[in-house]
């Protein structure tokens, strides 16, 4: 659970997410659209609650769902669904079959 406050220091984000600081900094460079901490006058990173929620999503995609960084970027770019990779594969197969069936029916069969 993420505490209800406006900004979090990187050490607090590490404590909440269980990730190391260097991982957060790397993900910040890879997922620029989704992790955008502000900078304090002291140049310290200040993460918002939305940043932390995105970090948790990215962690799930990479660690639990087994996606690569490129795969996670693709999923996030298309809108995160919260589905596991298996669930997403099933949804994709069902969609593909429905499109095939629609084409078949449109051809007058």
PDB file of N, CA and C in Angstrom:
ATOM      1  N   UNK A   1       0.840  -1.180   0.000  1.00  0.00           N
ATOM      2  CA  UNK A   1       0.000   0.000   0.000  1.00  0.00           C
ATOM      3  C   UNK A   1       0.887   1.247   0.000  1.00  0.00           C
ATOM      4  N   UNK A   2       0.503   2.193  -0.807  1.00  0.00           N
ATOM      5  CA  UNK A   2       1.266   3.430  -0.935  1.00  0.00           C
ATOM      6  C   UNK A   2       0.680   4.469   0.016  1.00  0.00           C
ATOM      7  N   UNK A   3       1.518   5.027   0.883  1.00  0.00           N
ATOM      8  CA  UNK A   3       1.028   6.066   1.806  1.00  0.00           C
ATOM      9  C   UNK A   3       0.426   7.246   1.061  1.00  0.00           C
ATOM     10  N   UNK A   4      -0.485   7.924   1.713  1.00  0.00           N
ATOM     11  CA  UNK A   4      -1.172   9.057   1.092  1.00  0.00           C
ATOM     12  C   UNK A   4      -0.400  10.342   1.366  1.00  0.00           C
ATOM     13  N   UNK A   5       0.533  10.651   0.466  1.00  0.00           N
ATOM     14  CA  UNK A   5       1.265  11.911   0.530  1.00  0.00           C
ATOM     15  C   UNK A   5       1.645  12.319  -0.876  1.00  0.00           C
ATOM     16  N   UNK A   6       2.048  13.555  -1.056  1.00  0.00           N
ATOM     17  CA  UNK A   6       2.244  14.089  -2.396  1.00  0.00           C
ATOM     18  C   UNK A   6       3.550  13.627  -3.047  1.00  0.00           C
ATOM     19  N   UNK A   7       4.651  13.685  -2.324  1.00  0.00           N
ATOM     20  CA  UNK A   7       5.947  13.345  -2.894  1.00  0.00           C
ATOM     21  C   UNK A   7       6.691  12.349  -2.017  1.00  0.00           C
ATOM     22  N   UNK A   8       7.512  11.523  -2.687  1.00  0.00           N
ATOM     23  CA  UNK A   8       8.298  10.503  -2.008  1.00  0.00           C
ATOM     24  C   UNK A   8       9.747  10.593  -2.471  1.00  0.00           C
ATOM     25  N   UNK A   9      10.680  10.475  -1.541  1.00  0.00           N
ATOM     26  CA  UNK A   9      12.095  10.421  -1.887  1.00  0.00           C
ATOM     27  C   UNK A   9      12.402   9.049  -2.459  1.00  0.00           C
ATOM     28  N   UNK A  10      13.514   8.940  -3.181  1.00  0.00           N
ATOM     29  CA  UNK A  10      13.861   7.673  -3.821  1.00  0.00           C
ATOM     30  C   UNK A  10      14.020   6.554  -2.792  1.00  0.00           C
ATOM     31  N   UNK A  11      14.539   6.878  -1.616  1.00  0.00           N
ATOM     32  CA  UNK A  11      14.694   5.843  -0.582  1.00  0.00           C
ATOM     33  C   UNK A  11      13.339   5.319  -0.113  1.00  0.00           C
ATOM     34  N   UNK A  12      12.335   6.195  -0.063  1.00  0.00           N
ATOM     35  CA  UNK A  12      10.988   5.774   0.319  1.00  0.00           C
ATOM     36  C   UNK A  12      10.373   4.887  -0.762  1.00  0.00           C
ATOM     37  N   UNK A  13      10.610   5.243  -2.029  1.00  0.00           N
ATOM     38  CA  UNK A  13      10.091   4.443  -3.131  1.00  0.00           C
ATOM     39  C   UNK A  13      10.726   3.054  -3.110  1.00  0.00           C
ATOM     40  N   UNK A  14      12.016   2.990  -2.807  1.00  0.00           N
ATOM     41  CA  UNK A  14      12.703   1.703  -2.699  1.00  0.00           C
ATOM     42  C   UNK A  14      12.082   0.849  -1.597  1.00  0.00           C
ATOM     43  N   UNK A  15      11.785   1.468  -0.493  1.00  0.00           N
ATOM     44  CA  UNK A  15      11.178   0.751   0.633  1.00  0.00           C
ATOM     45  C   UNK A  15       9.779   0.239   0.268  1.00  0.00           C
ATOM     46  N   UNK A  16       9.000   1.057  -0.422  1.00  0.00           N
ATOM     47  CA  UNK A  16       7.638   0.678  -0.809  1.00  0.00           C
ATOM     48  C   UNK A  16       7.639  -0.444  -1.844  1.00  0.00           C
ATOM     49  N   UNK A  17       8.528  -0.342  -2.845  1.00  0.00           N
ATOM     50  CA  UNK A  17       8.515  -1.277  -3.976  1.00  0.00           C
ATOM     51  C   UNK A  17       9.448  -2.471  -3.810  1.00  0.00           C
ATOM     52  N   UNK A  18      10.416  -2.357  -2.903  1.00  0.00           N
ATOM     53  CA  UNK A  18      11.391  -3.430  -2.744  1.00  0.00           C
ATOM     54  C   UNK A  18      12.477  -3.422  -3.811  1.00  0.00           C
ATOM     55  N   UNK A  19      12.591  -2.328  -4.540  1.00  0.00           N
ATOM     56  CA  UNK A  19      13.594  -2.212  -5.593  1.00  0.00           C
ATOM     57  C   UNK A  19      14.778  -1.387  -5.122  1.00  0.00           C
ATOM     58  N   UNK A  20      15.900  -1.549  -5.800  1.00  0.00           N
ATOM     59  CA  UNK A  20      17.103  -0.781  -5.475  1.00  0.00           C
ATOM     60  C   UNK A  20      17.082   0.549  -6.238  1.00  0.00           C
ATOM     61  N   UNK A  21      17.824   1.529  -5.717  1.00  0.00           N
ATOM     62  CA  UNK A  21      17.853   2.857  -6.327  1.00  0.00           C
ATOM     63  C   UNK A  21      18.349   2.829  -7.760  1.00  0.00           C
ATOM     64  N   UNK A  22      19.384   2.031  -8.038  1.00  0.00           N
ATOM     65  CA  UNK A  22      19.913   2.003  -9.410  1.00  0.00           C
ATOM     66  C   UNK A  22      18.888   1.433 -10.388  1.00  0.00           C
ATOM     67  N   UNK A  23      18.036   0.527  -9.933  1.00  0.00           N
ATOM     68  CA  UNK A  23      16.980  -0.026 -10.786  1.00  0.00           C
ATOM     69  C   UNK A  23      15.952   1.064 -11.104  1.00  0.00           C
ATOM     70  N   UNK A  24      15.555   1.820 -10.079  1.00  0.00           N
ATOM     71  CA  UNK A  24      14.602   2.918 -10.296  1.00  0.00           C
ATOM     72  C   UNK A  24      15.172   3.946 -11.273  1.00  0.00           C
ATOM     73  N   UNK A  25      16.435   4.305 -11.121  1.00  0.00           N
ATOM     74  CA  UNK A  25      17.040   5.294 -12.011  1.00  0.00           C
ATOM     75  C   UNK A  25      17.099   4.769 -13.448  1.00  0.00           C
ATOM     76  N   UNK A  26      17.407   3.473 -13.594  1.00  0.00           N
ATOM     77  CA  UNK A  26      17.455   2.873 -14.931  1.00  0.00           C
ATOM     78  C   UNK A  26      16.061   2.846 -15.550  1.00  0.00           C
ATOM     79  N   UNK A  27      15.073   2.390 -14.788  1.00  0.00           N
ATOM     80  CA  UNK A  27      13.700   2.349 -15.311  1.00  0.00           C
ATOM     81  C   UNK A  27      13.207   3.750 -15.659  1.00  0.00           C
ATOM     82  N   UNK A  28      13.629   4.723 -14.876  1.00  0.00           N
ATOM     83  CA  UNK A  28      13.265   6.120 -15.152  1.00  0.00           C
ATOM     84  C   UNK A  28      13.756   6.525 -16.544  1.00  0.00           C
ATOM     85  N   UNK A  29      14.934   6.067 -16.924  1.00  0.00           N
ATOM     86  CA  UNK A  29      15.469   6.392 -18.249  1.00  0.00           C
ATOM     87  C   UNK A  29      14.789   5.583 -19.354  1.00  0.00           C
ATOM     88  N   UNK A  30      14.335   4.376 -19.050  1.00  0.00           N
ATOM     89  CA  UNK A  30      13.694   3.518 -20.041  1.00  0.00           C
ATOM     90  C   UNK A  30      12.199   3.802 -20.215  1.00  0.00           C
ATOM     91  N   UNK A  31      11.536   4.175 -19.136  1.00  0.00           N
ATOM     92  CA  UNK A  31      10.087   4.381 -19.154  1.00  0.00           C
ATOM     93  C   UNK A  31       9.769   5.858 -18.871  1.00  0.00           C
ATOM     94  N   UNK A  32      10.297   6.726 -19.706  1.00  0.00           N
ATOM     95  CA  UNK A  32      10.186   8.180 -19.487  1.00  0.00           C
ATOM     96  C   UNK A  32       8.751   8.681 -19.465  1.00  0.00           C
ATOM     97  N   UNK A  33       7.862   8.017 -20.194  1.00  0.00           N
ATOM     98  CA  UNK A  33       6.452   8.440 -20.219  1.00  0.00           C
ATOM     99  C   UNK A  33       5.727   8.083 -18.930  1.00  0.00           C
ATOM    100  N   UNK A  34       6.243   7.115 -18.190  1.00  0.00           N
ATOM    101  CA  UNK A  34       5.508   6.560 -17.055  1.00  0.00           C
ATOM    102  C   UNK A  34       6.133   6.851 -15.695  1.00  0.00           C
ATOM    103  N   UNK A  35       7.412   7.167 -15.683  1.00  0.00           N
ATOM    104  CA  UNK A  35       8.098   7.494 -14.429  1.00  0.00           C
ATOM    105  C   UNK A  35       8.786   8.839 -14.632  1.00  0.00           C
ATOM    106  N   UNK A  36       8.211   9.870 -14.019  1.00  0.00           N
ATOM    107  CA  UNK A  36       8.759  11.218 -14.195  1.00  0.00           C
ATOM    108  C   UNK A  36       8.853  11.939 -12.861  1.00  0.00           C
ATOM    109  N   UNK A  37       9.875  11.613 -12.080  1.00  0.00           N
ATOM    110  CA  UNK A  37       9.994  12.313 -10.795  1.00  0.00           C
ATOM    111  C   UNK A  37      10.355  13.778 -11.005  1.00  0.00           C
ATOM    112  N   UNK A  38       9.914  14.585 -10.103  1.00  0.00           N
ATOM    113  CA  UNK A  38      10.272  16.000 -10.103  1.00  0.00           C
ATOM    114  C   UNK A  38      11.627  16.116  -9.396  1.00  0.00           C
ATOM    115  N   UNK A  39      12.218  17.274  -9.507  1.00  0.00           N
ATOM    116  CA  UNK A  39      13.493  17.522  -8.812  1.00  0.00           C
ATOM    117  C   UNK A  39      13.288  18.624  -7.784  1.00  0.00           C
ATOM    118  N   UNK A  40      13.765  18.367  -6.587  1.00  0.00           N
ATOM    119  CA  UNK A  40      13.759  19.396  -5.546  1.00  0.00           C
ATOM    120  C   UNK A  40      14.904  20.373  -5.841  1.00  0.00           C
ATOM    121  N   UNK A  41      14.907  21.475  -5.144  1.00  0.00           N
ATOM    122  CA  UNK A  41      16.015  22.435  -5.324  1.00  0.00           C
ATOM    123  C   UNK A  41      17.358  21.773  -5.064  1.00  0.00           C
ATOM    124  N   UNK A  42      17.355  20.777  -4.195  1.00  0.00           N
ATOM    125  CA  UNK A  42      18.589  20.055  -3.865  1.00  0.00           C
ATOM    126  C   UNK A  42      18.940  19.002  -4.921  1.00  0.00           C
ATOM    127  N   UNK A  43      18.165  18.973  -6.030  1.00  0.00           N
ATOM    128  CA  UNK A  43      18.344  18.021  -7.138  1.00  0.00           C
ATOM    129  C   UNK A  43      17.889  16.603  -6.784  1.00  0.00           C
ATOM    130  N   UNK A  44      17.319  16.424  -5.615  1.00  0.00           N
ATOM    131  CA  UNK A  44      16.836  15.110  -5.199  1.00  0.00           C
ATOM    132  C   UNK A  44      15.560  14.756  -5.971  1.00  0.00           C
ATOM    133  N   UNK A  45      15.449  13.486  -6.376  1.00  0.00           N
ATOM    134  CA  UNK A  45      14.252  13.024  -7.074  1.00  0.00           C
ATOM    135  C   UNK A  45      13.075  12.973  -6.108  1.00  0.00           C
ATOM    136  N   UNK A  46      11.934  13.464  -6.575  1.00  0.00           N
ATOM    137  CA  UNK A  46      10.701  13.396  -5.795  1.00  0.00           C
ATOM    138  C   UNK A  46       9.635  12.720  -6.657  1.00  0.00           C
ATOM    139  N   UNK A  47       9.258  11.515  -6.254  1.00  0.00           N
ATOM    140  CA  UNK A  47       8.288  10.723  -7.001  1.00  0.00           C
ATOM    141  C   UNK A  47       6.884  11.007  -6.506  1.00  0.00           C
ATOM    142  N   UNK A  48       5.926  11.022  -7.438  1.00  0.00           N
ATOM    143  CA  UNK A  48       4.515  11.169  -7.089  1.00  0.00           C
ATOM    144  C   UNK A  48       3.903   9.772  -6.934  1.00  0.00           C
ATOM    145  N   UNK A  49       2.718   9.727  -6.372  1.00  0.00           N
ATOM    146  CA  UNK A  49       2.033   8.446  -6.182  1.00  0.00           C
ATOM    147  C   UNK A  49       1.829   7.744  -7.532  1.00  0.00           C
ATOM    148  N   UNK A  50       1.489   8.503  -8.577  1.00  0.00           N
ATOM    149  CA  UNK A  50       1.299   7.922  -9.911  1.00  0.00           C
ATOM    150  C   UNK A  50       2.588   7.270 -10.426  1.00  0.00           C
ATOM    151  N   UNK A  51       3.738   7.883 -10.127  1.00  0.00           N
ATOM    152  CA  UNK A  51       5.021   7.292 -10.519  1.00  0.00           C
ATOM    153  C   UNK A  51       5.198   5.935  -9.841  1.00  0.00           C
ATOM    154  N   UNK A  52       4.879   5.883  -8.549  1.00  0.00           N
ATOM    155  CA  UNK A  52       5.043   4.638  -7.796  1.00  0.00           C
ATOM    156  C   UNK A  52       4.089   3.567  -8.329  1.00  0.00           C
ATOM    157  N   UNK A  53       2.858   3.952  -8.637  1.00  0.00           N
ATOM    158  CA  UNK A  53       1.905   2.987  -9.208  1.00  0.00           C
ATOM    159  C   UNK A  53       2.433   2.441 -10.528  1.00  0.00           C
ATOM    160  N   UNK A  54       3.029   3.292 -11.348  1.00  0.00           N
ATOM    161  CA  UNK A  54       3.605   2.836 -12.617  1.00  0.00           C
ATOM    162  C   UNK A  54       4.814   1.937 -12.386  1.00  0.00           C
ATOM    163  N   UNK A  55       5.614   2.241 -11.393  1.00  0.00           N
ATOM    164  CA  UNK A  55       6.764   1.402 -11.060  1.00  0.00           C
ATOM    165  C   UNK A  55       6.284   0.010 -10.653  1.00  0.00           C
ATOM    166  N   UNK A  56       5.222  -0.054  -9.869  1.00  0.00           N
ATOM    167  CA  UNK A  56       4.660  -1.348  -9.454  1.00  0.00           C
ATOM    168  C   UNK A  56       4.162  -2.112 -10.684  1.00  0.00           C
ATOM    169  N   UNK A  57       3.498  -1.425 -11.611  1.00  0.00           N
ATOM    170  CA  UNK A  57       3.029  -2.075 -12.849  1.00  0.00           C
ATOM    171  C   UNK A  57       4.191  -2.608 -13.669  1.00  0.00           C
ATOM    172  N   UNK A  58       5.213  -1.787 -13.830  1.00  0.00           N
ATOM    173  CA  UNK A  58       6.385  -2.188 -14.610  1.00  0.00           C
ATOM    174  C   UNK A  58       7.052  -3.388 -13.959  1.00  0.00           C
ATOM    175  N   UNK A  59       7.176  -3.365 -12.650  1.00  0.00           N
ATOM    176  CA  UNK A  59       7.784  -4.483 -11.928  1.00  0.00           C
ATOM    177  C   UNK A  59       6.992  -5.769 -12.175  1.00  0.00           C
ATOM    178  N   UNK A  60       5.661  -5.675 -12.160  1.00  0.00           N
ATOM    179  CA  UNK A  60       4.813  -6.846 -12.408  1.00  0.00           C
ATOM    180  C   UNK A  60       5.048  -7.370 -13.822  1.00  0.00           C
ATOM    181  N   UNK A  61       5.076  -6.472 -14.796  1.00  0.00           N
ATOM    182  CA  UNK A  61       5.274  -6.893 -16.180  1.00  0.00           C
ATOM    183  C   UNK A  61       6.622  -7.573 -16.380  1.00  0.00           C
ATOM    184  N   UNK A  62       7.661  -7.021 -15.758  1.00  0.00           N
ATOM    185  CA  UNK A  62       9.005  -7.562 -15.950  1.00  0.00           C
ATOM    186  C   UNK A  62       9.254  -8.810 -15.121  1.00  0.00           C
ATOM    187  N   UNK A  63       8.879  -8.777 -13.859  1.00  0.00           N
ATOM    188  CA  UNK A  63       9.220  -9.876 -12.944  1.00  0.00           C
ATOM    189  C   UNK A  63       8.192 -11.007 -12.952  1.00  0.00           C
ATOM    190  N   UNK A  64       6.903 -10.672 -12.847  1.00  0.00           N
ATOM    191  CA  UNK A  64       5.873 -11.704 -12.749  1.00  0.00           C
ATOM    192  C   UNK A  64       5.455 -12.232 -14.120  1.00  0.00           C
ATOM    193  N   UNK A  65       5.249 -11.323 -15.072  1.00  0.00           N
ATOM    194  CA  UNK A  65       4.773 -11.725 -16.392  1.00  0.00           C
ATOM    195  C   UNK A  65       5.909 -12.134 -17.324  1.00  0.00           C
ATOM    196  N   UNK A  66       7.150 -11.833 -16.927  1.00  0.00           N
ATOM    197  CA  UNK A  66       8.311 -12.267 -17.703  1.00  0.00           C
ATOM    198  C   UNK A  66       8.550 -11.515 -18.992  1.00  0.00           C
ATOM    199  N   UNK A  67       8.033 -10.293 -19.097  1.00  0.00           N
ATOM    200  CA  UNK A  67       8.243  -9.512 -20.311  1.00  0.00           C
ATOM    201  C   UNK A  67       9.627  -8.870 -20.314  1.00  0.00           C
ATOM    202  N   UNK A  68      10.095  -8.550 -21.501  1.00  0.00           N
ATOM    203  CA  UNK A  68      11.314  -7.760 -21.631  1.00  0.00           C
ATOM    204  C   UNK A  68      10.941  -6.288 -21.451  1.00  0.00           C
ATOM    205  N   UNK A  69      11.933  -5.433 -21.397  1.00  0.00           N
ATOM    206  CA  UNK A  69      11.663  -4.001 -21.298  1.00  0.00           C
ATOM    207  C   UNK A  69      10.890  -3.537 -22.530  1.00  0.00           C
ATOM    208  N   UNK A  70      11.282  -4.019 -23.702  1.00  0.00           N
ATOM    209  CA  UNK A  70      10.567  -3.651 -24.931  1.00  0.00           C
ATOM    210  C   UNK A  70       9.118  -4.132 -24.875  1.00  0.00           C
ATOM    211  N   UNK A  71       8.901  -5.345 -24.378  1.00  0.00           N
ATOM    212  CA  UNK A  71       7.549  -5.878 -24.252  1.00  0.00           C
ATOM    213  C   UNK A  71       6.715  -5.081 -23.270  1.00  0.00           C
ATOM    214  N   UNK A  72       7.332  -4.702 -22.154  1.00  0.00           N
ATOM    215  CA  UNK A  72       6.621  -3.901 -21.154  1.00  0.00           C
ATOM    216  C   UNK A  72       6.261  -2.534 -21.721  1.00  0.00           C
ATOM    217  N   UNK A  73       7.167  -1.937 -22.490  1.00  0.00           N
ATOM    218  CA  UNK A  73       6.887  -0.640 -23.121  1.00  0.00           C
ATOM    219  C   UNK A  73       5.700  -0.765 -24.060  1.00  0.00           C
ATOM    220  N   UNK A  74       5.659  -1.863 -24.815  1.00  0.00           N
ATOM    221  CA  UNK A  74       4.557  -2.080 -25.752  1.00  0.00           C
ATOM    222  C   UNK A  74       3.239  -2.210 -24.999  1.00  0.00           C
ATOM    223  N   UNK A  75       3.229  -3.015 -23.951  1.00  0.00           N
ATOM    224  CA  UNK A  75       2.001  -3.206 -23.168  1.00  0.00           C
ATOM    225  C   UNK A  75       1.563  -1.881 -22.555  1.00  0.00           C
ATOM    226  N   UNK A  76       2.484  -1.151 -21.967  1.00  0.00           N
ATOM    227  CA  UNK A  76       2.143   0.131 -21.353  1.00  0.00           C
ATOM    228  C   UNK A  76       1.672   1.138 -22.393  1.00  0.00           C
ATOM    229  N   UNK A  77       2.266   1.108 -23.555  1.00  0.00           N
ATOM    230  CA  UNK A  77       1.877   2.019 -24.618  1.00  0.00           C
ATOM    231  C   UNK A  77       0.474   1.756 -25.130  1.00  0.00           C
ATOM    232  N   UNK A  78       0.060   0.496 -25.062  1.00  0.00           N
ATOM    233  CA  UNK A  78      -1.279   0.128 -25.522  1.00  0.00           C
ATOM    234  C   UNK A  78      -2.299   0.252 -24.413  1.00  0.00           C
ATOM    235  N   UNK A  79      -1.854   0.588 -23.225  1.00  0.00           N
ATOM    236  CA  UNK A  79      -2.775   0.676 -22.093  1.00  0.00           C
ATOM    237  C   UNK A  79      -2.674  -0.586 -21.265  1.00  0.00           C
ATOM    238  N   UNK A  80      -2.236  -0.441 -20.065  1.00  0.00           N
ATOM    239  CA  UNK A  80      -2.022  -1.582 -19.182  1.00  0.00           C
ATOM    240  C   UNK A  80      -3.352  -2.195 -18.788  1.00  0.00           C
ATOM    241  N   UNK A  81      -3.468  -3.520 -18.918  1.00  0.00           N
ATOM    242  CA  UNK A  81      -4.731  -4.206 -18.631  1.00  0.00           C
ATOM    243  C   UNK A  81      -4.708  -4.938 -17.314  1.00  0.00           C
ATOM    244  N   UNK A  82      -3.524  -5.197 -16.775  1.00  0.00           N
ATOM    245  CA  UNK A  82      -3.439  -5.959 -15.537  1.00  0.00           C
ATOM    246  C   UNK A  82      -3.525  -7.457 -15.761  1.00  0.00           C
ATOM    247  N   UNK A  83      -3.563  -7.889 -17.021  1.00  0.00           N
ATOM    248  CA  UNK A  83      -3.654  -9.312 -17.331  1.00  0.00           C
ATOM    249  C   UNK A  83      -2.260  -9.924 -17.328  1.00  0.00           C
ATOM    250  N   UNK A  84      -2.191 -11.179 -16.953  1.00  0.00           N
ATOM    251  CA  UNK A  84      -0.918 -11.888 -17.047  1.00  0.00           C
ATOM    252  C   UNK A  84      -0.650 -12.200 -18.511  1.00  0.00           C
ATOM    253  N   UNK A  85       0.567 -12.630 -18.812  1.00  0.00           N
ATOM    254  CA  UNK A  85       0.918 -12.934 -20.198  1.00  0.00           C
ATOM    255  C   UNK A  85       0.043 -14.059 -20.744  1.00  0.00           C
ATOM    256  N   UNK A  86      -0.246 -15.093 -19.940  1.00  0.00           N
ATOM    257  CA  UNK A  86      -1.111 -16.190 -20.380  1.00  0.00           C
ATOM    258  C   UNK A  86      -2.507 -15.693 -20.697  1.00  0.00           C
ATOM    259  N   UNK A  87      -3.068 -14.877 -19.813  1.00  0.00           N
ATOM    260  CA  UNK A  87      -4.407 -14.331 -20.043  1.00  0.00           C
ATOM    261  C   UNK A  87      -4.426 -13.489 -21.306  1.00  0.00           C
ATOM    262  N   UNK A  88      -3.394 -12.687 -21.520  1.00  0.00           N
ATOM    263  CA  UNK A  88      -3.331 -11.836 -22.704  1.00  0.00           C
ATOM    264  C   UNK A  88      -3.225 -12.680 -23.961  1.00  0.00           C
ATOM    265  N   UNK A  89      -2.462 -13.777 -23.919  1.00  0.00           N
ATOM    266  CA  UNK A  89      -2.348 -14.658 -25.080  1.00  0.00           C
ATOM    267  C   UNK A  89      -3.698 -15.271 -25.422  1.00  0.00           C
ATOM    268  N   UNK A  90      -4.461 -15.685 -24.419  1.00  0.00           N
ATOM    269  CA  UNK A  90      -5.790 -16.253 -24.644  1.00  0.00           C
ATOM    270  C   UNK A  90      -6.705 -15.204 -25.266  1.00  0.00           C
ATOM    271  N   UNK A  91      -6.688 -13.986 -24.725  1.00  0.00           N
ATOM    272  CA  UNK A  91      -7.510 -12.903 -25.275  1.00  0.00           C
ATOM    273  C   UNK A  91      -7.129 -12.649 -26.729  1.00  0.00           C
ATOM    274  N   UNK A  92      -5.838 -12.616 -27.029  1.00  0.00           N
ATOM    275  CA  UNK A  92      -5.385 -12.372 -28.398  1.00  0.00           C
ATOM    276  C   UNK A  92      -5.847 -13.475 -29.347  1.00  0.00           C
ATOM    277  N   UNK A  93      -5.791 -14.738 -28.907  1.00  0.00           N
ATOM    278  CA  UNK A  93      -6.234 -15.857 -29.739  1.00  0.00           C
ATOM    279  C   UNK A  93      -7.736 -15.794 -29.993  1.00  0.00           C
ATOM    280  N   UNK A  94      -8.508 -15.448 -28.976  1.00  0.00           N
ATOM    281  CA  UNK A  94      -9.956 -15.327 -29.142  1.00  0.00           C
ATOM    282  C   UNK A  94     -10.278 -14.202 -30.123  1.00  0.00           C
ATOM    283  N   UNK A  95      -9.605 -13.058 -29.989  1.00  0.00           N
ATOM    284  CA  UNK A  95      -9.825 -11.947 -30.924  1.00  0.00           C
ATOM    285  C   UNK A  95      -9.509 -12.369 -32.350  1.00  0.00           C
ATOM    286  N   UNK A  96      -8.383 -13.050 -32.514  1.00  0.00           N
ATOM    287  CA  UNK A  96      -7.969 -13.507 -33.839  1.00  0.00           C
ATOM    288  C   UNK A  96      -9.027 -14.436 -34.440  1.00  0.00           C
ATOM    289  N   UNK A  97      -9.546 -15.358 -33.653  1.00  0.00           N
ATOM    290  CA  UNK A  97     -10.573 -16.286 -34.132  1.00  0.00           C
ATOM    291  C   UNK A  97     -11.868 -15.552 -34.477  1.00  0.00           C
ATOM    292  N   UNK A  98     -12.248 -14.554 -33.673  1.00  0.00           N
ATOM    293  CA  UNK A  98     -13.453 -13.768 -33.969  1.00  0.00           C
ATOM    294  C   UNK A  98     -13.301 -12.985 -35.268  1.00  0.00           C
ATOM    295  N   UNK A  99     -12.117 -12.397 -35.495  1.00  0.00           N
ATOM    296  CA  UNK A  99     -11.878 -11.682 -36.745  1.00  0.00           C
ATOM    297  C   UNK A  99     -11.958 -12.637 -37.936  1.00  0.00           C
ATOM    298  N   UNK A 100     -11.390 -13.843 -37.786  1.00  0.00           N
ATOM    299  CA  UNK A 100     -11.435 -14.845 -38.847  1.00  0.00           C
ATOM    300  C   UNK A 100     -12.880 -15.225 -39.144  1.00  0.00           C
ATOM    301  N   UNK A 101     -13.675 -15.447 -38.098  1.00  0.00           N
ATOM    302  CA  UNK A 101     -15.080 -15.799 -38.255  1.00  0.00           C
ATOM    303  C   UNK A 101     -15.862 -14.670 -38.927  1.00  0.00           C
ATOM    304  N   UNK A 102     -15.584 -13.440 -38.554  1.00  0.00           N
ATOM    305  CA  UNK A 102     -16.260 -12.280 -39.153  1.00  0.00           C
ATOM    306  C   UNK A 102     -15.947 -12.195 -40.646  1.00  0.00           C
ATOM    307  N   UNK A 103     -14.678 -12.376 -41.023  1.00  0.00           N
ATOM    308  CA  UNK A 103     -14.304 -12.351 -42.446  1.00  0.00           C
ATOM    309  C   UNK A 103     -15.043 -13.449 -43.218  1.00  0.00           C
ATOM    310  N   UNK A 104     -15.122 -14.630 -42.611  1.00  0.00           N
ATOM    311  CA  UNK A 104     -15.818 -15.752 -43.220  1.00  0.00           C
ATOM    312  C   UNK A 104     -17.282 -15.402 -43.479  1.00  0.00           C
ATOM    313  N   UNK A 105     -17.935 -14.813 -42.470  1.00  0.00           N
ATOM    314  CA  UNK A 105     -19.348 -14.444 -42.608  1.00  0.00           C
ATOM    315  C   UNK A 105     -19.536 -13.301 -43.606  1.00  0.00           C
ATOM    316  N   UNK A 106     -18.604 -12.353 -43.621  1.00  0.00           N
ATOM    317  CA  UNK A 106     -18.696 -11.228 -44.544  1.00  0.00           C
ATOM    318  C   UNK A 106     -18.570 -11.684 -46.003  1.00  0.00           C
ATOM    319  N   UNK A 107     -17.899 -12.815 -46.215  1.00  0.00           N
ATOM    320  CA  UNK A 107     -17.738 -13.344 -47.569  1.00  0.00           C
ATOM    321  C   UNK A 107     -19.009 -14.037 -48.059  1.00  0.00           C
ATOM    322  N   UNK A 108     -20.038 -14.130 -47.209  1.00  0.00           N
ATOM    323  CA  UNK A 108     -21.333 -14.673 -47.616  1.00  0.00           C
ATOM    324  C   UNK A 108     -21.496 -16.156 -47.354  1.00  0.00           C
ATOM    325  N   UNK A 109     -20.725 -16.715 -46.492  1.00  0.00           N
ATOM    326  CA  UNK A 109     -20.861 -18.163 -46.187  1.00  0.00           C
ATOM    327  C   UNK A 109     -21.911 -18.401 -45.151  1.00  0.00           C
TER     328      UNK A 109
END
